[in-house]
């Protein structure tokens, strides 16, 4: 299979997955996004391992679109990094 055909196949499958995912968005999503949007402080995204990699990307994307956000490694938070949190912040914890 050519690289173009492979890329087309992957994009079609990803598109189908996004359409399926759109049907799963519900009240929980609305509530969660509302909490993040209402935050008067930073959005702190925490995780470790693969969830941490996803969390770093989420925090970077939020920052690049104007929302104050940072990533906090869950294990490092136990060694003093948790001091970055304030009462005004929203905390998004990822685990899978």
PDB file of N, CA and C in Angstrom:
ATOM      1  N   UNK A   1       0.854  -1.180   0.000  1.00  0.00           N
ATOM      2  CA  UNK A   1       0.000   0.000   0.000  1.00  0.00           C
ATOM      3  C   UNK A   1       0.900   1.243   0.000  1.00  0.00           C
ATOM      4  N   UNK A   2       0.538   2.235  -0.798  1.00  0.00           N
ATOM      5  CA  UNK A   2       1.332   3.469  -0.875  1.00  0.00           C
ATOM      6  C   UNK A   2       1.122   4.311   0.383  1.00  0.00           C
ATOM      7  N   UNK A   3       2.057   5.233   0.615  1.00  0.00           N
ATOM      8  CA  UNK A   3       1.935   6.125   1.772  1.00  0.00           C
ATOM      9  C   UNK A   3       0.691   7.000   1.665  1.00  0.00           C
ATOM     10  N   UNK A   4       0.351   7.410   0.460  1.00  0.00           N
ATOM     11  CA  UNK A   4      -0.843   8.246   0.266  1.00  0.00           C
ATOM     12  C   UNK A   4      -2.095   7.448   0.625  1.00  0.00           C
ATOM     13  N   UNK A   5      -2.170   6.221   0.149  1.00  0.00           N
ATOM     14  CA  UNK A   5      -3.337   5.378   0.451  1.00  0.00           C
ATOM     15  C   UNK A   5      -3.432   5.105   1.955  1.00  0.00           C
ATOM     16  N   UNK A   6      -2.288   4.860   2.567  1.00  0.00           N
ATOM     17  CA  UNK A   6      -2.276   4.628   4.014  1.00  0.00           C
ATOM     18  C   UNK A   6      -2.766   5.860   4.761  1.00  0.00           C
ATOM     19  N   UNK A   7      -2.273   7.031   4.369  1.00  0.00           N
ATOM     20  CA  UNK A   7      -2.690   8.283   5.016  1.00  0.00           C
ATOM     21  C   UNK A   7      -4.184   8.516   4.829  1.00  0.00           C
ATOM     22  N   UNK A   8      -4.687   8.266   3.632  1.00  0.00           N
ATOM     23  CA  UNK A   8      -6.119   8.438   3.370  1.00  0.00           C
ATOM     24  C   UNK A   8      -6.949   7.498   4.243  1.00  0.00           C
ATOM     25  N   UNK A   9      -6.487   6.252   4.373  1.00  0.00           N
ATOM     26  CA  UNK A   9      -7.198   5.270   5.195  1.00  0.00           C
ATOM     27  C   UNK A   9      -7.226   5.711   6.658  1.00  0.00           C
ATOM     28  N   UNK A  10      -6.088   6.155   7.159  1.00  0.00           N
ATOM     29  CA  UNK A  10      -6.010   6.607   8.552  1.00  0.00           C
ATOM     30  C   UNK A  10      -6.935   7.798   8.780  1.00  0.00           C
ATOM     31  N   UNK A  11      -6.911   8.771   7.886  1.00  0.00           N
ATOM     32  CA  UNK A  11      -7.757   9.957   8.038  1.00  0.00           C
ATOM     33  C   UNK A  11      -9.241   9.604   7.999  1.00  0.00           C
ATOM     34  N   UNK A  12      -9.620   8.679   7.139  1.00  0.00           N
ATOM     35  CA  UNK A  12     -11.024   8.254   7.082  1.00  0.00           C
ATOM     36  C   UNK A  12     -11.442   7.578   8.386  1.00  0.00           C
ATOM     37  N   UNK A  13     -10.584   6.712   8.918  1.00  0.00           N
ATOM     38  CA  UNK A  13     -10.893   6.032  10.178  1.00  0.00           C
ATOM     39  C   UNK A  13     -10.960   7.021  11.339  1.00  0.00           C
ATOM     40  N   UNK A  14     -10.039   7.965  11.376  1.00  0.00           N
ATOM     41  CA  UNK A  14     -10.055   8.983  12.434  1.00  0.00           C
ATOM     42  C   UNK A  14     -11.319   9.832  12.335  1.00  0.00           C
ATOM     43  N   UNK A  15     -11.735  10.161  11.124  1.00  0.00           N
ATOM     44  CA  UNK A  15     -12.965  10.929  10.923  1.00  0.00           C
ATOM     45  C   UNK A  15     -14.186  10.181  11.445  1.00  0.00           C
ATOM     46  N   UNK A  16     -14.241   8.882  11.172  1.00  0.00           N
ATOM     47  CA  UNK A  16     -15.351   8.060  11.676  1.00  0.00           C
ATOM     48  C   UNK A  16     -15.347   8.033  13.206  1.00  0.00           C
ATOM     49  N   UNK A  17     -14.155   7.939  13.781  1.00  0.00           N
ATOM     50  CA  UNK A  17     -14.045   7.905  15.245  1.00  0.00           C
ATOM     51  C   UNK A  17     -14.514   9.220  15.857  1.00  0.00           C
ATOM     52  N   UNK A  18     -14.193  10.339  15.229  1.00  0.00           N
ATOM     53  CA  UNK A  18     -14.642  11.644  15.735  1.00  0.00           C
ATOM     54  C   UNK A  18     -16.158  11.772  15.669  1.00  0.00           C
ATOM     55  N   UNK A  19     -16.749  11.259  14.611  1.00  0.00           N
ATOM     56  CA  UNK A  19     -18.210  11.294  14.489  1.00  0.00           C
ATOM     57  C   UNK A  19     -18.843  10.453  15.600  1.00  0.00           C
ATOM     58  N   UNK A  20     -18.278   9.263  15.868  1.00  0.00           N
ATOM     59  CA  UNK A  20     -18.800   8.428  16.965  1.00  0.00           C
ATOM     60  C   UNK A  20     -18.629   9.136  18.307  1.00  0.00           C
ATOM     61  N   UNK A  21     -17.482   9.772  18.501  1.00  0.00           N
ATOM     62  CA  UNK A  21     -17.201  10.475  19.750  1.00  0.00           C
ATOM     63  C   UNK A  21     -18.180  11.625  19.973  1.00  0.00           C
ATOM     64  N   UNK A  22     -18.560  12.311  18.905  1.00  0.00           N
ATOM     65  CA  UNK A  22     -19.474  13.449  19.049  1.00  0.00           C
ATOM     66  C   UNK A  22     -20.819  13.018  19.632  1.00  0.00           C
ATOM     67  N   UNK A  23     -21.192  11.780  19.435  1.00  0.00           N
ATOM     68  CA  UNK A  23     -22.442  11.273  19.986  1.00  0.00           C
ATOM     69  C   UNK A  23     -22.361  10.931  21.467  1.00  0.00           C
ATOM     70  N   UNK A  24     -21.163  10.955  22.030  1.00  0.00           N
ATOM     71  CA  UNK A  24     -20.980  10.605  23.438  1.00  0.00           C
ATOM     72  C   UNK A  24     -20.887  11.822  24.349  1.00  0.00           C
ATOM     73  N   UNK A  25     -20.830  13.000  23.763  1.00  0.00           N
ATOM     74  CA  UNK A  25     -20.702  14.222  24.561  1.00  0.00           C
ATOM     75  C   UNK A  25     -22.042  14.498  25.241  1.00  0.00           C
ATOM     76  N   UNK A  26     -21.987  14.675  26.556  1.00  0.00           N
ATOM     77  CA  UNK A  26     -23.219  14.888  27.299  1.00  0.00           C
ATOM     78  C   UNK A  26     -23.067  15.911  28.398  1.00  0.00           C
ATOM     79  N   UNK A  27     -23.894  15.749  29.428  1.00  0.00           N
ATOM     80  CA  UNK A  27     -23.943  16.689  30.545  1.00  0.00           C
ATOM     81  C   UNK A  27     -22.616  16.806  31.289  1.00  0.00           C
ATOM     82  N   UNK A  28     -21.923  15.701  31.449  1.00  0.00           N
ATOM     83  CA  UNK A  28     -20.635  15.713  32.140  1.00  0.00           C
ATOM     84  C   UNK A  28     -19.617  16.589  31.433  1.00  0.00           C
ATOM     85  N   UNK A  29     -19.623  16.525  30.117  1.00  0.00           N
ATOM     86  CA  UNK A  29     -18.728  17.364  29.318  1.00  0.00           C
ATOM     87  C   UNK A  29     -19.063  18.835  29.529  1.00  0.00           C
ATOM     88  N   UNK A  30     -20.346  19.144  29.472  1.00  0.00           N
ATOM     89  CA  UNK A  30     -20.818  20.525  29.666  1.00  0.00           C
ATOM     90  C   UNK A  30     -20.389  21.058  31.031  1.00  0.00           C
ATOM     91  N   UNK A  31     -20.575  20.243  32.054  1.00  0.00           N
ATOM     92  CA  UNK A  31     -20.222  20.658  33.410  1.00  0.00           C
ATOM     93  C   UNK A  31     -18.712  20.855  33.548  1.00  0.00           C
ATOM     94  N   UNK A  32     -17.939  19.923  33.028  1.00  0.00           N
ATOM     95  CA  UNK A  32     -16.483  20.009  33.120  1.00  0.00           C
ATOM     96  C   UNK A  32     -15.913  21.217  32.408  1.00  0.00           C
ATOM     97  N   UNK A  33     -16.367  21.459  31.200  1.00  0.00           N
ATOM     98  CA  UNK A  33     -15.893  22.622  30.446  1.00  0.00           C
ATOM     99  C   UNK A  33     -16.333  23.906  31.136  1.00  0.00           C
ATOM    100  N   UNK A  34     -17.528  23.898  31.719  1.00  0.00           N
ATOM    101  CA  UNK A  34     -18.009  25.069  32.460  1.00  0.00           C
ATOM    102  C   UNK A  34     -17.110  25.407  33.639  1.00  0.00           C
ATOM    103  N   UNK A  35     -16.656  24.382  34.351  1.00  0.00           N
ATOM    104  CA  UNK A  35     -15.748  24.597  35.484  1.00  0.00           C
ATOM    105  C   UNK A  35     -14.436  25.205  35.001  1.00  0.00           C
ATOM    106  N   UNK A  36     -13.887  24.669  33.928  1.00  0.00           N
ATOM    107  CA  UNK A  36     -12.629  25.201  33.393  1.00  0.00           C
ATOM    108  C   UNK A  36     -12.805  26.636  32.913  1.00  0.00           C
ATOM    109  N   UNK A  37     -13.903  26.908  32.226  1.00  0.00           N
ATOM    110  CA  UNK A  37     -14.145  28.253  31.691  1.00  0.00           C
ATOM    111  C   UNK A  37     -14.363  29.276  32.798  1.00  0.00           C
ATOM    112  N   UNK A  38     -14.942  28.851  33.913  1.00  0.00           N
ATOM    113  CA  UNK A  38     -15.245  29.773  35.010  1.00  0.00           C
ATOM    114  C   UNK A  38     -14.057  30.000  35.944  1.00  0.00           C
ATOM    115  N   UNK A  39     -12.984  29.261  35.744  1.00  0.00           N
ATOM    116  CA  UNK A  39     -11.823  29.375  36.631  1.00  0.00           C
ATOM    117  C   UNK A  39     -11.277  30.800  36.635  1.00  0.00           C
ATOM    118  N   UNK A  40     -11.050  31.321  37.832  1.00  0.00           N
ATOM    119  CA  UNK A  40     -10.474  32.668  37.982  1.00  0.00           C
ATOM    120  C   UNK A  40      -8.950  32.609  38.022  1.00  0.00           C
ATOM    121  N   UNK A  41      -8.415  31.396  38.065  1.00  0.00           N
ATOM    122  CA  UNK A  41      -6.965  31.220  38.117  1.00  0.00           C
ATOM    123  C   UNK A  41      -6.477  30.448  36.906  1.00  0.00           C
ATOM    124  N   UNK A  42      -5.508  29.588  37.151  1.00  0.00           N
ATOM    125  CA  UNK A  42      -4.921  28.766  36.100  1.00  0.00           C
ATOM    126  C   UNK A  42      -5.723  27.472  35.947  1.00  0.00           C
ATOM    127  N   UNK A  43      -5.567  26.853  34.799  1.00  0.00           N
ATOM    128  CA  UNK A  43      -6.034  25.488  34.617  1.00  0.00           C
ATOM    129  C   UNK A  43      -4.793  24.620  34.768  1.00  0.00           C
ATOM    130  N   UNK A  44      -4.784  23.800  35.805  1.00  0.00           N
ATOM    131  CA  UNK A  44      -3.643  22.932  36.077  1.00  0.00           C
ATOM    132  C   UNK A  44      -4.036  21.519  35.655  1.00  0.00           C
ATOM    133  N   UNK A  45      -3.275  20.954  34.725  1.00  0.00           N
ATOM    134  CA  UNK A  45      -3.546  19.616  34.213  1.00  0.00           C
ATOM    135  C   UNK A  45      -2.518  18.671  34.826  1.00  0.00           C
ATOM    136  N   UNK A  46      -2.993  17.611  35.475  1.00  0.00           N
ATOM    137  CA  UNK A  46      -2.093  16.678  36.151  1.00  0.00           C
ATOM    138  C   UNK A  46      -2.257  15.267  35.607  1.00  0.00           C
ATOM    139  N   UNK A  47      -1.157  14.550  35.606  1.00  0.00           N
ATOM    140  CA  UNK A  47      -1.159  13.160  35.179  1.00  0.00           C
ATOM    141  C   UNK A  47       0.252  12.621  35.218  1.00  0.00           C
ATOM    142  N   UNK A  48       0.404  11.358  34.870  1.00  0.00           N
ATOM    143  CA  UNK A  48       1.730  10.764  34.753  1.00  0.00           C
ATOM    144  C   UNK A  48       1.659   9.608  33.770  1.00  0.00           C
ATOM    145  N   UNK A  49       2.799   9.195  33.260  1.00  0.00           N
ATOM    146  CA  UNK A  49       2.820   8.150  32.245  1.00  0.00           C
ATOM    147  C   UNK A  49       2.178   8.657  30.960  1.00  0.00           C
ATOM    148  N   UNK A  50       1.443   7.782  30.294  1.00  0.00           N
ATOM    149  CA  UNK A  50       0.786   8.174  29.035  1.00  0.00           C
ATOM    150  C   UNK A  50      -0.229   9.289  29.269  1.00  0.00           C
ATOM    151  N   UNK A  51      -0.946   9.226  30.392  1.00  0.00           N
ATOM    152  CA  UNK A  51      -1.896  10.293  30.720  1.00  0.00           C
ATOM    153  C   UNK A  51      -1.173  11.618  30.904  1.00  0.00           C
ATOM    154  N   UNK A  52       0.038  11.569  31.423  1.00  0.00           N
ATOM    155  CA  UNK A  52       0.838  12.777  31.575  1.00  0.00           C
ATOM    156  C   UNK A  52       1.224  13.376  30.234  1.00  0.00           C
ATOM    157  N   UNK A  53       1.547  12.524  29.268  1.00  0.00           N
ATOM    158  CA  UNK A  53       1.878  13.017  27.927  1.00  0.00           C
ATOM    159  C   UNK A  53       0.679  13.733  27.308  1.00  0.00           C
ATOM    160  N   UNK A  54      -0.502  13.143  27.466  1.00  0.00           N
ATOM    161  CA  UNK A  54      -1.726  13.775  26.967  1.00  0.00           C
ATOM    162  C   UNK A  54      -1.977  15.075  27.726  1.00  0.00           C
ATOM    163  N   UNK A  55      -1.758  15.054  29.040  1.00  0.00           N
ATOM    164  CA  UNK A  55      -1.950  16.247  29.863  1.00  0.00           C
ATOM    165  C   UNK A  55      -1.040  17.394  29.463  1.00  0.00           C
ATOM    166  N   UNK A  56       0.220  17.075  29.145  1.00  0.00           N
ATOM    167  CA  UNK A  56       1.153  18.122  28.680  1.00  0.00           C
ATOM    168  C   UNK A  56       0.622  18.786  27.414  1.00  0.00           C
ATOM    169  N   UNK A  57       0.092  17.983  26.505  1.00  0.00           N
ATOM    170  CA  UNK A  57      -0.445  18.517  25.247  1.00  0.00           C
ATOM    171  C   UNK A  57      -1.673  19.385  25.512  1.00  0.00           C
ATOM    172  N   UNK A  58      -2.550  18.938  26.391  1.00  0.00           N
ATOM    173  CA  UNK A  58      -3.743  19.721  26.725  1.00  0.00           C
ATOM    174  C   UNK A  58      -3.343  21.062  27.327  1.00  0.00           C
ATOM    175  N   UNK A  59      -2.415  21.044  28.288  1.00  0.00           N
ATOM    176  CA  UNK A  59      -1.970  22.285  28.926  1.00  0.00           C
ATOM    177  C   UNK A  59      -1.324  23.217  27.909  1.00  0.00           C
ATOM    178  N   UNK A  60      -0.511  22.674  27.014  1.00  0.00           N
ATOM    179  CA  UNK A  60       0.140  23.495  25.989  1.00  0.00           C
ATOM    180  C   UNK A  60      -0.890  24.098  25.039  1.00  0.00           C
ATOM    181  N   UNK A  61      -1.889  23.312  24.656  1.00  0.00           N
ATOM    182  CA  UNK A  61      -2.932  23.818  23.753  1.00  0.00           C
ATOM    183  C   UNK A  61      -3.757  24.909  24.423  1.00  0.00           C
ATOM    184  N   UNK A  62      -4.108  24.713  25.686  1.00  0.00           N
ATOM    185  CA  UNK A  62      -4.857  25.742  26.413  1.00  0.00           C
ATOM    186  C   UNK A  62      -4.043  27.029  26.505  1.00  0.00           C
ATOM    187  N   UNK A  63      -2.758  26.903  26.833  1.00  0.00           N
ATOM    188  CA  UNK A  63      -1.889  28.081  26.942  1.00  0.00           C
ATOM    189  C   UNK A  63      -1.785  28.818  25.618  1.00  0.00           C
ATOM    190  N   UNK A  64      -1.649  28.060  24.531  1.00  0.00           N
ATOM    191  CA  UNK A  64      -1.460  28.703  23.229  1.00  0.00           C
ATOM    192  C   UNK A  64      -2.725  29.387  22.725  1.00  0.00           C
ATOM    193  N   UNK A  65      -3.872  29.061  23.328  1.00  0.00           N
ATOM    194  CA  UNK A  65      -5.123  29.711  22.922  1.00  0.00           C
ATOM    195  C   UNK A  65      -5.578  30.769  23.920  1.00  0.00           C
ATOM    196  N   UNK A  66      -4.686  31.123  24.857  1.00  0.00           N
ATOM    197  CA  UNK A  66      -4.971  32.243  25.749  1.00  0.00           C
ATOM    198  C   UNK A  66      -5.484  31.898  27.131  1.00  0.00           C
ATOM    199  N   UNK A  67      -5.611  30.619  27.440  1.00  0.00           N
ATOM    200  CA  UNK A  67      -6.043  30.228  28.783  1.00  0.00           C
ATOM    201  C   UNK A  67      -4.808  29.933  29.630  1.00  0.00           C
ATOM    202  N   UNK A  68      -4.657  30.594  30.774  1.00  0.00           N
ATOM    203  CA  UNK A  68      -3.497  30.306  31.613  1.00  0.00           C
ATOM    204  C   UNK A  68      -3.554  28.849  32.080  1.00  0.00           C
ATOM    205  N   UNK A  69      -2.588  28.057  31.662  1.00  0.00           N
ATOM    206  CA  UNK A  69      -2.597  26.634  31.988  1.00  0.00           C
ATOM    207  C   UNK A  69      -1.175  26.129  32.134  1.00  0.00           C
ATOM    208  N   UNK A  70      -1.034  25.084  32.936  1.00  0.00           N
ATOM    209  CA  UNK A  70       0.267  24.437  33.077  1.00  0.00           C
ATOM    210  C   UNK A  70       0.062  22.972  33.387  1.00  0.00           C
ATOM    211  N   UNK A  71       1.126  22.196  33.202  1.00  0.00           N
ATOM    212  CA  UNK A  71       1.095  20.767  33.499  1.00  0.00           C
ATOM    213  C   UNK A  71       1.788  20.512  34.827  1.00  0.00           C
ATOM    214  N   UNK A  72       1.198  19.649  35.635  1.00  0.00           N
ATOM    215  CA  UNK A  72       1.767  19.252  36.918  1.00  0.00           C
ATOM    216  C   UNK A  72       1.897  17.732  36.931  1.00  0.00           C
ATOM    217  N   UNK A  73       3.129  17.234  37.016  1.00  0.00           N
ATOM    218  CA  UNK A  73       3.340  15.785  37.086  1.00  0.00           C
ATOM    219  C   UNK A  73       2.810  15.291  38.430  1.00  0.00           C
ATOM    220  N   UNK A  74       1.958  14.298  38.399  1.00  0.00           N
ATOM    221  CA  UNK A  74       1.281  13.832  39.613  1.00  0.00           C
ATOM    222  C   UNK A  74       2.262  13.391  40.701  1.00  0.00           C
ATOM    223  N   UNK A  75       3.311  12.680  40.336  1.00  0.00           N
ATOM    224  CA  UNK A  75       4.273  12.219  41.344  1.00  0.00           C
ATOM    225  C   UNK A  75       5.105  13.373  41.889  1.00  0.00           C
ATOM    226  N   UNK A  76       5.480  14.306  41.020  1.00  0.00           N
ATOM    227  CA  UNK A  76       6.282  15.448  41.461  1.00  0.00           C
ATOM    228  C   UNK A  76       5.488  16.359  42.392  1.00  0.00           C
ATOM    229  N   UNK A  77       4.173  16.321  42.274  1.00  0.00           N
ATOM    230  CA  UNK A  77       3.352  17.171  43.148  1.00  0.00           C
ATOM    231  C   UNK A  77       3.554  16.803  44.617  1.00  0.00           C
ATOM    232  N   UNK A  78       3.898  15.551  44.875  1.00  0.00           N
ATOM    233  CA  UNK A  78       4.118  15.089  46.246  1.00  0.00           C
ATOM    234  C   UNK A  78       5.428  15.608  46.832  1.00  0.00           C
ATOM    235  N   UNK A  79       6.292  16.133  45.985  1.00  0.00           N
ATOM    236  CA  UNK A  79       7.613  16.597  46.421  1.00  0.00           C
ATOM    237  C   UNK A  79       7.720  18.115  46.366  1.00  0.00           C
ATOM    238  N   UNK A  80       6.619  18.807  46.535  1.00  0.00           N
ATOM    239  CA  UNK A  80       6.643  20.261  46.638  1.00  0.00           C
ATOM    240  C   UNK A  80       6.016  21.017  45.491  1.00  0.00           C
ATOM    241  N   UNK A  81       5.877  20.375  44.325  1.00  0.00           N
ATOM    242  CA  UNK A  81       5.327  21.100  43.174  1.00  0.00           C
ATOM    243  C   UNK A  81       3.858  21.453  43.328  1.00  0.00           C
ATOM    244  N   UNK A  82       3.167  20.823  44.264  1.00  0.00           N
ATOM    245  CA  UNK A  82       1.744  21.115  44.473  1.00  0.00           C
ATOM    246  C   UNK A  82       1.535  22.559  44.938  1.00  0.00           C
ATOM    247  N   UNK A  83       2.612  23.197  45.380  1.00  0.00           N
ATOM    248  CA  UNK A  83       2.539  24.596  45.795  1.00  0.00           C
ATOM    249  C   UNK A  83       2.164  25.543  44.675  1.00  0.00           C
ATOM    250  N   UNK A  84       2.195  25.065  43.439  1.00  0.00           N
ATOM    251  CA  UNK A  84       1.813  25.899  42.298  1.00  0.00           C
ATOM    252  C   UNK A  84       0.300  26.134  42.266  1.00  0.00           C
ATOM    253  N   UNK A  85      -0.461  25.300  42.978  1.00  0.00           N
ATOM    254  CA  UNK A  85      -1.927  25.414  42.994  1.00  0.00           C
ATOM    255  C   UNK A  85      -2.405  26.497  43.953  1.00  0.00           C
ATOM    256  N   UNK A  86      -3.457  27.194  43.543  1.00  0.00           N
ATOM    257  CA  UNK A  86      -4.120  28.150  44.428  1.00  0.00           C
ATOM    258  C   UNK A  86      -5.613  27.829  44.447  1.00  0.00           C
ATOM    259  N   UNK A  87      -6.329  28.432  45.368  1.00  0.00           N
ATOM    260  CA  UNK A  87      -7.770  28.175  45.500  1.00  0.00           C
ATOM    261  C   UNK A  87      -8.545  28.611  44.263  1.00  0.00           C
ATOM    262  N   UNK A  88      -7.996  29.531  43.481  1.00  0.00           N
ATOM    263  CA  UNK A  88      -8.695  30.037  42.299  1.00  0.00           C
ATOM    264  C   UNK A  88      -8.508  29.145  41.074  1.00  0.00           C
ATOM    265  N   UNK A  89      -7.617  28.159  41.164  1.00  0.00           N
ATOM    266  CA  UNK A  89      -7.293  27.320  40.015  1.00  0.00           C
ATOM    267  C   UNK A  89      -8.312  26.202  39.811  1.00  0.00           C
ATOM    268  N   UNK A  90      -8.378  25.718  38.578  1.00  0.00           N
ATOM    269  CA  UNK A  90      -9.148  24.512  38.256  1.00  0.00           C
ATOM    270  C   UNK A  90      -8.140  23.398  38.007  1.00  0.00           C
ATOM    271  N   UNK A  91      -8.388  22.227  38.557  1.00  0.00           N
ATOM    272  CA  UNK A  91      -7.476  21.094  38.424  1.00  0.00           C
ATOM    273  C   UNK A  91      -8.131  20.012  37.581  1.00  0.00           C
ATOM    274  N   UNK A  92      -7.476  19.651  36.491  1.00  0.00           N
ATOM    275  CA  UNK A  92      -7.938  18.582  35.610  1.00  0.00           C
ATOM    276  C   UNK A  92      -6.961  17.420  35.764  1.00  0.00           C
ATOM    277  N   UNK A  93      -7.419  16.323  36.347  1.00  0.00           N
ATOM    278  CA  UNK A  93      -6.562  15.163  36.595  1.00  0.00           C
ATOM    279  C   UNK A  93      -6.887  14.080  35.569  1.00  0.00           C
ATOM    280  N   UNK A  94      -5.853  13.601  34.888  1.00  0.00           N
ATOM    281  CA  UNK A  94      -6.025  12.569  33.874  1.00  0.00           C
ATOM    282  C   UNK A  94      -5.442  11.252  34.365  1.00  0.00           C
ATOM    283  N   UNK A  95      -6.187  10.171  34.173  1.00  0.00           N
ATOM    284  CA  UNK A  95      -5.705   8.842  34.522  1.00  0.00           C
ATOM    285  C   UNK A  95      -6.404   7.832  33.622  1.00  0.00           C
ATOM    286  N   UNK A  96      -5.632   6.890  33.123  1.00  0.00           N
ATOM    287  CA  UNK A  96      -6.224   5.841  32.294  1.00  0.00           C
ATOM    288  C   UNK A  96      -5.481   4.559  32.521  1.00  0.00           C
TER     289      UNK A  96
END
